[in-house]
Amino acid sequence: MPAIEVGRICIKQAGRECCTKCVIVDVMDKSFVLVTGPKKLTGVKRRRVNINHIMPLEDKVDVKRGASDDEVSQALEAQGKLDILKD
């Protein structure tokens, strides 16, 4: 299982949004990824995060690279993964 990939659901382990779930939207380089909650669902803003500060889960959502918050929300709803983010 490739752990760090677009669409992977993760738990933030550092920062003010610690212990909340988010979705990887873009892989920037070997150390950083772009994540989003989306903010209206989990409270996680779209931001650049060090990969050492997130813990990938086994769940994955089918989204394209650089997807907007609305596209991520629709994909989560369509695939029935909203309950995973809200736990």
PDB file of N, CA and C in Angstrom:
ATOM      1  N   MET A   1       0.850  -1.186   0.000  1.00  0.00           N
ATOM      2  CA  MET A   1       0.000   0.000   0.000  1.00  0.00           C
ATOM      3  C   MET A   1       0.886   1.237   0.000  1.00  0.00           C
ATOM      4  N   PRO A   2       0.844   2.037  -1.054  1.00  0.00           N
ATOM      5  CA  PRO A   2       1.575   3.309  -0.989  1.00  0.00           C
ATOM      6  C   PRO A   2       0.888   4.235   0.011  1.00  0.00           C
ATOM      7  N   ALA A   3       1.618   4.615   1.030  1.00  0.00           N
ATOM      8  CA  ALA A   3       0.999   5.349   2.131  1.00  0.00           C
ATOM      9  C   ALA A   3       0.671   6.786   1.772  1.00  0.00           C
ATOM     10  N   ILE A   4       1.584   7.473   1.118  1.00  0.00           N
ATOM     11  CA  ILE A   4       1.381   8.890   0.826  1.00  0.00           C
ATOM     12  C   ILE A   4       1.000   9.024  -0.639  1.00  0.00           C
ATOM     13  N   GLU A   5      -0.298   9.200  -0.890  1.00  0.00           N
ATOM     14  CA  GLU A   5      -0.791   9.358  -2.259  1.00  0.00           C
ATOM     15  C   GLU A   5      -2.044  10.219  -2.233  1.00  0.00           C
ATOM     16  N   VAL A   6      -2.390  10.762  -3.384  1.00  0.00           N
ATOM     17  CA  VAL A   6      -3.564  11.631  -3.499  1.00  0.00           C
ATOM     18  C   VAL A   6      -4.816  10.822  -3.188  1.00  0.00           C
ATOM     19  N   GLY A   7      -5.651  11.366  -2.290  1.00  0.00           N
ATOM     20  CA  GLY A   7      -6.895  10.715  -1.920  1.00  0.00           C
ATOM     21  C   GLY A   7      -6.819   9.920  -0.630  1.00  0.00           C
ATOM     22  N   ARG A   8      -5.628   9.732  -0.084  1.00  0.00           N
ATOM     23  CA  ARG A   8      -5.472   8.955   1.157  1.00  0.00           C
ATOM     24  C   ARG A   8      -6.017   9.753   2.337  1.00  0.00           C
ATOM     25  N   ILE A   9      -6.803   9.120   3.189  1.00  0.00           N
ATOM     26  CA  ILE A   9      -7.322   9.755   4.398  1.00  0.00           C
ATOM     27  C   ILE A   9      -6.274   9.583   5.496  1.00  0.00           C
ATOM     28  N   CYS A  10      -5.975  10.679   6.204  1.00  0.00           N
ATOM     29  CA  CYS A  10      -4.924  10.688   7.224  1.00  0.00           C
ATOM     30  C   CYS A  10      -5.438  11.323   8.504  1.00  0.00           C
ATOM     31  N   ILE A  11      -4.676  11.120   9.580  1.00  0.00           N
ATOM     32  CA  ILE A  11      -4.911  11.800  10.849  1.00  0.00           C
ATOM     33  C   ILE A  11      -3.742  12.729  11.094  1.00  0.00           C
ATOM     34  N   LYS A  12      -4.027  14.000  11.359  1.00  0.00           N
ATOM     35  CA  LYS A  12      -2.965  14.952  11.685  1.00  0.00           C
ATOM     36  C   LYS A  12      -2.468  14.668  13.093  1.00  0.00           C
ATOM     37  N   GLN A  13      -1.154  14.653  13.271  1.00  0.00           N
ATOM     38  CA  GLN A  13      -0.566  14.324  14.560  1.00  0.00           C
ATOM     39  C   GLN A  13       0.163  15.492  15.205  1.00  0.00           C
ATOM     40  N   ALA A  14       0.139  16.651  14.581  1.00  0.00           N
ATOM     41  CA  ALA A  14       0.823  17.816  15.142  1.00  0.00           C
ATOM     42  C   ALA A  14       0.065  19.073  14.752  1.00  0.00           C
ATOM     43  N   GLY A  15       0.302  20.139  15.511  1.00  0.00           N
ATOM     44  CA  GLY A  15      -0.306  21.424  15.189  1.00  0.00           C
ATOM     45  C   GLY A  15      -1.647  21.620  15.851  1.00  0.00           C
ATOM     46  N   ARG A  16      -2.272  22.725  15.535  1.00  0.00           N
ATOM     47  CA  ARG A  16      -3.546  23.061  16.184  1.00  0.00           C
ATOM     48  C   ARG A  16      -4.689  22.175  15.740  1.00  0.00           C
ATOM     49  N   GLU A  17      -4.539  21.499  14.630  1.00  0.00           N
ATOM     50  CA  GLU A  17      -5.579  20.585  14.147  1.00  0.00           C
ATOM     51  C   GLU A  17      -5.232  19.139  14.469  1.00  0.00           C
ATOM     52  N   CYS A  18      -4.452  18.922  15.508  1.00  0.00           N
ATOM     53  CA  CYS A  18      -3.997  17.596  15.915  1.00  0.00           C
ATOM     54  C   CYS A  18      -5.193  16.676  16.195  1.00  0.00           C
ATOM     55  N   CYS A  19      -5.063  15.431  15.805  1.00  0.00           N
ATOM     56  CA  CYS A  19      -6.065  14.380  16.043  1.00  0.00           C
ATOM     57  C   CYS A  19      -7.316  14.527  15.193  1.00  0.00           C
ATOM     58  N   THR A  20      -7.256  15.315  14.129  1.00  0.00           N
ATOM     59  CA  THR A  20      -8.391  15.405  13.209  1.00  0.00           C
ATOM     60  C   THR A  20      -8.024  14.728  11.896  1.00  0.00           C
ATOM     61  N   LYS A  21      -9.046  14.287  11.188  1.00  0.00           N
ATOM     62  CA  LYS A  21      -8.811  13.570   9.932  1.00  0.00           C
ATOM     63  C   LYS A  21      -8.842  14.525   8.755  1.00  0.00           C
ATOM     64  N   CYS A  22      -8.062  14.181   7.721  1.00  0.00           N
ATOM     65  CA  CYS A  22      -7.972  15.014   6.525  1.00  0.00           C
ATOM     66  C   CYS A  22      -7.709  14.119   5.316  1.00  0.00           C
ATOM     67  N   VAL A  23      -7.734  14.714   4.131  1.00  0.00           N
ATOM     68  CA  VAL A  23      -7.519  14.001   2.879  1.00  0.00           C
ATOM     69  C   VAL A  23      -6.339  14.639   2.159  1.00  0.00           C
ATOM     70  N   ILE A  24      -5.416  13.823   1.657  1.00  0.00           N
ATOM     71  CA  ILE A  24      -4.288  14.333   0.874  1.00  0.00           C
ATOM     72  C   ILE A  24      -4.804  14.725  -0.509  1.00  0.00           C
ATOM     73  N   VAL A  25      -4.522  15.970  -0.906  1.00  0.00           N
ATOM     74  CA  VAL A  25      -4.995  16.489  -2.187  1.00  0.00           C
ATOM     75  C   VAL A  25      -3.859  16.564  -3.207  1.00  0.00           C
ATOM     76  N   ASP A  26      -2.629  16.740  -2.745  1.00  0.00           N
ATOM     77  CA  ASP A  26      -1.489  16.876  -3.655  1.00  0.00           C
ATOM     78  C   ASP A  26      -0.222  16.458  -2.925  1.00  0.00           C
ATOM     79  N   VAL A  27       0.697  15.815  -3.642  1.00  0.00           N
ATOM     80  CA  VAL A  27       2.013  15.492  -3.108  1.00  0.00           C
ATOM     81  C   VAL A  27       2.983  16.506  -3.694  1.00  0.00           C
ATOM     82  N   MET A  28       3.545  17.374  -2.848  1.00  0.00           N
ATOM     83  CA  MET A  28       4.401  18.453  -3.313  1.00  0.00           C
ATOM     84  C   MET A  28       5.825  17.976  -3.589  1.00  0.00           C
ATOM     85  N   ASP A  29       6.441  17.317  -2.628  1.00  0.00           N
ATOM     86  CA  ASP A  29       7.761  16.733  -2.801  1.00  0.00           C
ATOM     87  C   ASP A  29       7.905  15.592  -1.808  1.00  0.00           C
ATOM     88  N   LYS A  30       9.125  15.146  -1.555  1.00  0.00           N
ATOM     89  CA  LYS A  30       9.299  13.973  -0.690  1.00  0.00           C
ATOM     90  C   LYS A  30       8.991  14.251   0.772  1.00  0.00           C
ATOM     91  N   SER A  31       8.861  15.525   1.161  1.00  0.00           N
ATOM     92  CA  SER A  31       8.626  15.861   2.570  1.00  0.00           C
ATOM     93  C   SER A  31       7.271  16.493   2.856  1.00  0.00           C
ATOM     94  N   PHE A  32       6.607  17.054   1.851  1.00  0.00           N
ATOM     95  CA  PHE A  32       5.381  17.807   2.100  1.00  0.00           C
ATOM     96  C   PHE A  32       4.232  17.360   1.205  1.00  0.00           C
ATOM     97  N   VAL A  33       3.010  17.430   1.762  1.00  0.00           N
ATOM     98  CA  VAL A  33       1.787  17.166   1.013  1.00  0.00           C
ATOM     99  C   VAL A  33       0.798  18.296   1.285  1.00  0.00           C
ATOM    100  N   LEU A  34      -0.182  18.436   0.417  1.00  0.00           N
ATOM    101  CA  LEU A  34      -1.259  19.402   0.605  1.00  0.00           C
ATOM    102  C   LEU A  34      -2.477  18.624   1.083  1.00  0.00           C
ATOM    103  N   VAL A  35      -3.035  19.033   2.234  1.00  0.00           N
ATOM    104  CA  VAL A  35      -4.202  18.343   2.791  1.00  0.00           C
ATOM    105  C   VAL A  35      -5.370  19.302   2.928  1.00  0.00           C
ATOM    106  N   THR A  36      -6.553  18.719   3.002  1.00  0.00           N
ATOM    107  CA  THR A  36      -7.764  19.483   3.286  1.00  0.00           C
ATOM    108  C   THR A  36      -8.696  18.601   4.089  1.00  0.00           C
ATOM    109  N   GLY A  37      -9.558  19.236   4.852  1.00  0.00           N
ATOM    110  CA  GLY A  37     -10.486  18.504   5.719  1.00  0.00           C
ATOM    111  C   GLY A  37     -11.649  17.884   4.987  1.00  0.00           C
ATOM    112  N   PRO A  38     -12.378  18.552   4.207  1.00  0.00           N
ATOM    113  CA  PRO A  38     -12.557  19.993   4.008  1.00  0.00           C
ATOM    114  C   PRO A  38     -12.963  20.701   5.303  1.00  0.00           C
ATOM    115  N   LYS A  39     -12.706  21.986   5.350  1.00  0.00           N
ATOM    116  CA  LYS A  39     -12.885  22.784   6.566  1.00  0.00           C
ATOM    117  C   LYS A  39     -14.296  22.675   7.122  1.00  0.00           C
ATOM    118  N   LYS A  40     -15.314  22.684   6.253  1.00  0.00           N
ATOM    119  CA  LYS A  40     -16.689  22.648   6.768  1.00  0.00           C
ATOM    120  C   LYS A  40     -17.070  21.272   7.323  1.00  0.00           C
ATOM    121  N   LEU A  41     -16.306  20.227   7.001  1.00  0.00           N
ATOM    122  CA  LEU A  41     -16.595  18.899   7.539  1.00  0.00           C
ATOM    123  C   LEU A  41     -15.792  18.585   8.799  1.00  0.00           C
ATOM    124  N   THR A  42     -14.473  18.821   8.763  1.00  0.00           N
ATOM    125  CA  THR A  42     -13.621  18.420   9.880  1.00  0.00           C
ATOM    126  C   THR A  42     -12.916  19.576  10.563  1.00  0.00           C
ATOM    127  N   GLY A  43     -12.907  20.745   9.936  1.00  0.00           N
ATOM    128  CA  GLY A  43     -12.225  21.890  10.527  1.00  0.00           C
ATOM    129  C   GLY A  43     -10.785  22.044  10.081  1.00  0.00           C
ATOM    130  N   VAL A  44     -10.297  21.143   9.233  1.00  0.00           N
ATOM    131  CA  VAL A  44      -8.914  21.229   8.752  1.00  0.00           C
ATOM    132  C   VAL A  44      -8.879  22.100   7.503  1.00  0.00           C
ATOM    133  N   LYS A  45      -8.115  23.189   7.578  1.00  0.00           N
ATOM    134  CA  LYS A  45      -7.963  24.069   6.420  1.00  0.00           C
ATOM    135  C   LYS A  45      -7.046  23.407   5.397  1.00  0.00           C
ATOM    136  N   ARG A  46      -7.173  23.846   4.150  1.00  0.00           N
ATOM    137  CA  ARG A  46      -6.260  23.397   3.108  1.00  0.00           C
ATOM    138  C   ARG A  46      -4.892  23.995   3.404  1.00  0.00           C
ATOM    139  N   ARG A  47      -3.907  23.126   3.609  1.00  0.00           N
ATOM    140  CA  ARG A  47      -2.569  23.611   3.959  1.00  0.00           C
ATOM    141  C   ARG A  47      -1.508  22.578   3.631  1.00  0.00           C
ATOM    142  N   ARG A  48      -0.267  23.069   3.582  1.00  0.00           N
ATOM    143  CA  ARG A  48       0.889  22.222   3.351  1.00  0.00           C
ATOM    144  C   ARG A  48       1.291  21.595   4.690  1.00  0.00           C
ATOM    145  N   VAL A  49       1.540  20.287   4.678  1.00  0.00           N
ATOM    146  CA  VAL A  49       1.849  19.566   5.907  1.00  0.00           C
ATOM    147  C   VAL A  49       3.062  18.666   5.667  1.00  0.00           C
ATOM    148  N   ASN A  50       3.934  18.598   6.657  1.00  0.00           N
ATOM    149  CA  ASN A  50       5.060  17.678   6.618  1.00  0.00           C
ATOM    150  C   ASN A  50       4.519  16.260   6.749  1.00  0.00           C
ATOM    151  N   ILE A  51       5.041  15.331   5.961  1.00  0.00           N
ATOM    152  CA  ILE A  51       4.509  13.958   6.000  1.00  0.00           C
ATOM    153  C   ILE A  51       4.815  13.273   7.327  1.00  0.00           C
ATOM    154  N   ASN A  52       5.774  13.784   8.094  1.00  0.00           N
ATOM    155  CA  ASN A  52       6.058  13.224   9.410  1.00  0.00           C
ATOM    156  C   ASN A  52       4.991  13.605  10.435  1.00  0.00           C
ATOM    157  N   HIS A  53       4.121  14.564  10.087  1.00  0.00           N
ATOM    158  CA  HIS A  53       3.088  15.044  11.000  1.00  0.00           C
ATOM    159  C   HIS A  53       1.706  14.485  10.696  1.00  0.00           C
ATOM    160  N   ILE A  54       1.626  13.498   9.793  1.00  0.00           N
ATOM    161  CA  ILE A  54       0.351  12.852   9.495  1.00  0.00           C
ATOM    162  C   ILE A  54       0.516  11.337   9.567  1.00  0.00           C
ATOM    163  N   MET A  55      -0.580  10.665   9.882  1.00  0.00           N
ATOM    164  CA  MET A  55      -0.588   9.208   9.920  1.00  0.00           C
ATOM    165  C   MET A  55      -1.620   8.715   8.907  1.00  0.00           C
ATOM    166  N   PRO A  56      -1.158   8.094   7.818  1.00  0.00           N
ATOM    167  CA  PRO A  56      -2.103   7.620   6.799  1.00  0.00           C
ATOM    168  C   PRO A  56      -2.937   6.448   7.304  1.00  0.00           C
ATOM    169  N   LEU A  57      -4.198   6.438   6.900  1.00  0.00           N
ATOM    170  CA  LEU A  57      -5.107   5.335   7.221  1.00  0.00           C
ATOM    171  C   LEU A  57      -5.255   4.453   5.983  1.00  0.00           C
ATOM    172  N   GLU A  58      -5.940   3.341   6.125  1.00  0.00           N
ATOM    173  CA  GLU A  58      -6.122   2.442   4.989  1.00  0.00           C
ATOM    174  C   GLU A  58      -7.159   2.945   4.000  1.00  0.00           C
ATOM    175  N   ASP A  59      -8.027   3.857   4.422  1.00  0.00           N
ATOM    176  CA  ASP A  59      -9.097   4.353   3.555  1.00  0.00           C
ATOM    177  C   ASP A  59      -8.571   5.340   2.536  1.00  0.00           C
ATOM    178  N   LYS A  60      -9.164   5.287   1.348  1.00  0.00           N
ATOM    179  CA  LYS A  60      -8.750   6.170   0.256  1.00  0.00           C
ATOM    180  C   LYS A  60      -9.994   6.644  -0.488  1.00  0.00           C
ATOM    181  N   VAL A  61      -9.936   7.866  -0.988  1.00  0.00           N
ATOM    182  CA  VAL A  61     -11.022   8.459  -1.753  1.00  0.00           C
ATOM    183  C   VAL A  61     -10.505   8.720  -3.163  1.00  0.00           C
ATOM    184  N   ASP A  62     -11.325   8.482  -4.166  1.00  0.00           N
ATOM    185  CA  ASP A  62     -10.916   8.736  -5.544  1.00  0.00           C
ATOM    186  C   ASP A  62     -11.137  10.200  -5.890  1.00  0.00           C
ATOM    187  N   VAL A  63     -10.067  10.998  -5.800  1.00  0.00           N
ATOM    188  CA  VAL A  63     -10.097  12.403  -6.197  1.00  0.00           C
ATOM    189  C   VAL A  63      -8.883  12.667  -7.074  1.00  0.00           C
ATOM    190  N   LYS A  64      -9.003  13.664  -7.922  1.00  0.00           N
ATOM    191  CA  LYS A  64      -7.873  14.013  -8.776  1.00  0.00           C
ATOM    192  C   LYS A  64      -6.921  14.937  -8.028  1.00  0.00           C
ATOM    193  N   ARG A  65      -5.721  15.035  -8.514  1.00  0.00           N
ATOM    194  CA  ARG A  65      -4.702  15.879  -7.891  1.00  0.00           C
ATOM    195  C   ARG A  65      -5.139  17.340  -7.932  1.00  0.00           C
ATOM    196  N   GLY A  66      -5.066  18.003  -6.784  1.00  0.00           N
ATOM    197  CA  GLY A  66      -5.444  19.403  -6.703  1.00  0.00           C
ATOM    198  C   GLY A  66      -6.944  19.642  -6.641  1.00  0.00           C
ATOM    199  N   ALA A  67      -7.698  18.646  -6.245  1.00  0.00           N
ATOM    200  CA  ALA A  67      -9.162  18.769  -6.190  1.00  0.00           C
ATOM    201  C   ALA A  67      -9.580  19.844  -5.186  1.00  0.00           C
ATOM    202  N   SER A  68     -10.668  20.535  -5.499  1.00  0.00           N
ATOM    203  CA  SER A  68     -11.175  21.574  -4.602  1.00  0.00           C
ATOM    204  C   SER A  68     -11.879  20.931  -3.414  1.00  0.00           C
ATOM    205  N   ASP A  69     -12.178  21.748  -2.401  1.00  0.00           N
ATOM    206  CA  ASP A  69     -12.874  21.247  -1.217  1.00  0.00           C
ATOM    207  C   ASP A  69     -14.243  20.676  -1.580  1.00  0.00           C
ATOM    208  N   ASP A  70     -14.934  21.316  -2.511  1.00  0.00           N
ATOM    209  CA  ASP A  70     -16.252  20.825  -2.929  1.00  0.00           C
ATOM    210  C   ASP A  70     -16.143  19.465  -3.618  1.00  0.00           C
ATOM    211  N   GLU A  71     -15.118  19.294  -4.456  1.00  0.00           N
ATOM    212  CA  GLU A  71     -14.920  18.016  -5.140  1.00  0.00           C
ATOM    213  C   GLU A  71     -14.592  16.903  -4.138  1.00  0.00           C
ATOM    214  N   VAL A  72     -13.784  17.234  -3.126  1.00  0.00           N
ATOM    215  CA  VAL A  72     -13.445  16.251  -2.096  1.00  0.00           C
ATOM    216  C   VAL A  72     -14.702  15.883  -1.304  1.00  0.00           C
ATOM    217  N   SER A  73     -15.516  16.875  -0.948  1.00  0.00           N
ATOM    218  CA  SER A  73     -16.757  16.620  -0.205  1.00  0.00           C
ATOM    219  C   SER A  73     -17.696  15.720  -1.004  1.00  0.00           C
ATOM    220  N   GLN A  74     -17.832  15.999  -2.298  1.00  0.00           N
ATOM    221  CA  GLN A  74     -18.712  15.194  -3.140  1.00  0.00           C
ATOM    222  C   GLN A  74     -18.193  13.764  -3.263  1.00  0.00           C
ATOM    223  N   ALA A  75     -16.881  13.599  -3.398  1.00  0.00           N
ATOM    224  CA  ALA A  75     -16.300  12.258  -3.505  1.00  0.00           C
ATOM    225  C   ALA A  75     -16.490  11.479  -2.211  1.00  0.00           C
ATOM    226  N   LEU A  76     -16.317  12.135  -1.071  1.00  0.00           N
ATOM    227  CA  LEU A  76     -16.519  11.477   0.219  1.00  0.00           C
ATOM    228  C   LEU A  76     -17.967  11.026   0.377  1.00  0.00           C
ATOM    229  N   GLU A  77     -18.894  11.890  -0.029  1.00  0.00           N
ATOM    230  CA  GLU A  77     -20.311  11.568   0.083  1.00  0.00           C
ATOM    231  C   GLU A  77     -20.696  10.437  -0.866  1.00  0.00           C
ATOM    232  N   ALA A  78     -20.178  10.505  -2.102  1.00  0.00           N
ATOM    233  CA  ALA A  78     -20.517   9.493  -3.099  1.00  0.00           C
ATOM    234  C   ALA A  78     -19.984   8.110  -2.712  1.00  0.00           C
ATOM    235  N   GLN A  79     -18.838   8.079  -2.045  1.00  0.00           N
ATOM    236  CA  GLN A  79     -18.233   6.799  -1.679  1.00  0.00           C
ATOM    237  C   GLN A  79     -18.582   6.369  -0.261  1.00  0.00           C
ATOM    238  N   GLY A  80     -19.418   7.143   0.416  1.00  0.00           N
ATOM    239  CA  GLY A  80     -19.890   6.774   1.740  1.00  0.00           C
ATOM    240  C   GLY A  80     -18.827   6.822   2.823  1.00  0.00           C
ATOM    241  N   LYS A  81     -17.893   7.752   2.717  1.00  0.00           N
ATOM    242  CA  LYS A  81     -16.789   7.843   3.684  1.00  0.00           C
ATOM    243  C   LYS A  81     -16.921   9.023   4.629  1.00  0.00           C
ATOM    244  N   LEU A  82     -18.069   9.700   4.636  1.00  0.00           N
ATOM    245  CA  LEU A  82     -18.253  10.851   5.524  1.00  0.00           C
ATOM    246  C   LEU A  82     -18.181  10.440   6.990  1.00  0.00           C
ATOM    247  N   ASP A  83     -18.712   9.268   7.311  1.00  0.00           N
ATOM    248  CA  ASP A  83     -18.684   8.820   8.696  1.00  0.00           C
ATOM    249  C   ASP A  83     -17.272   8.546   9.193  1.00  0.00           C
ATOM    250  N   ILE A  84     -16.357   8.171   8.314  1.00  0.00           N
ATOM    251  CA  ILE A  84     -14.957   7.937   8.685  1.00  0.00           C
ATOM    252  C   ILE A  84     -14.301   9.234   9.126  1.00  0.00           C
ATOM    253  N   LEU A  85     -14.580  10.330   8.409  1.00  0.00           N
ATOM    254  CA  LEU A  85     -13.969  11.622   8.758  1.00  0.00           C
ATOM    255  C   LEU A  85     -14.529  12.196  10.040  1.00  0.00           C
ATOM    256  N   LYS A  86     -15.779  11.944  10.333  1.00  0.00           N
ATOM    257  CA  LYS A  86     -16.412  12.563  11.485  1.00  0.00           C
ATOM    258  C   LYS A  86     -16.149  11.825  12.801  1.00  0.00           C
ATOM    259  N   ASP A  87     -15.607  10.616  12.727  1.00  0.00           N
ATOM    260  CA  ASP A  87     -15.326   9.863  13.965  1.00  0.00           C
ATOM    261  C   ASP A  87     -14.225  10.510  14.777  1.00  0.00           C
TER     262      ASP A  87
END
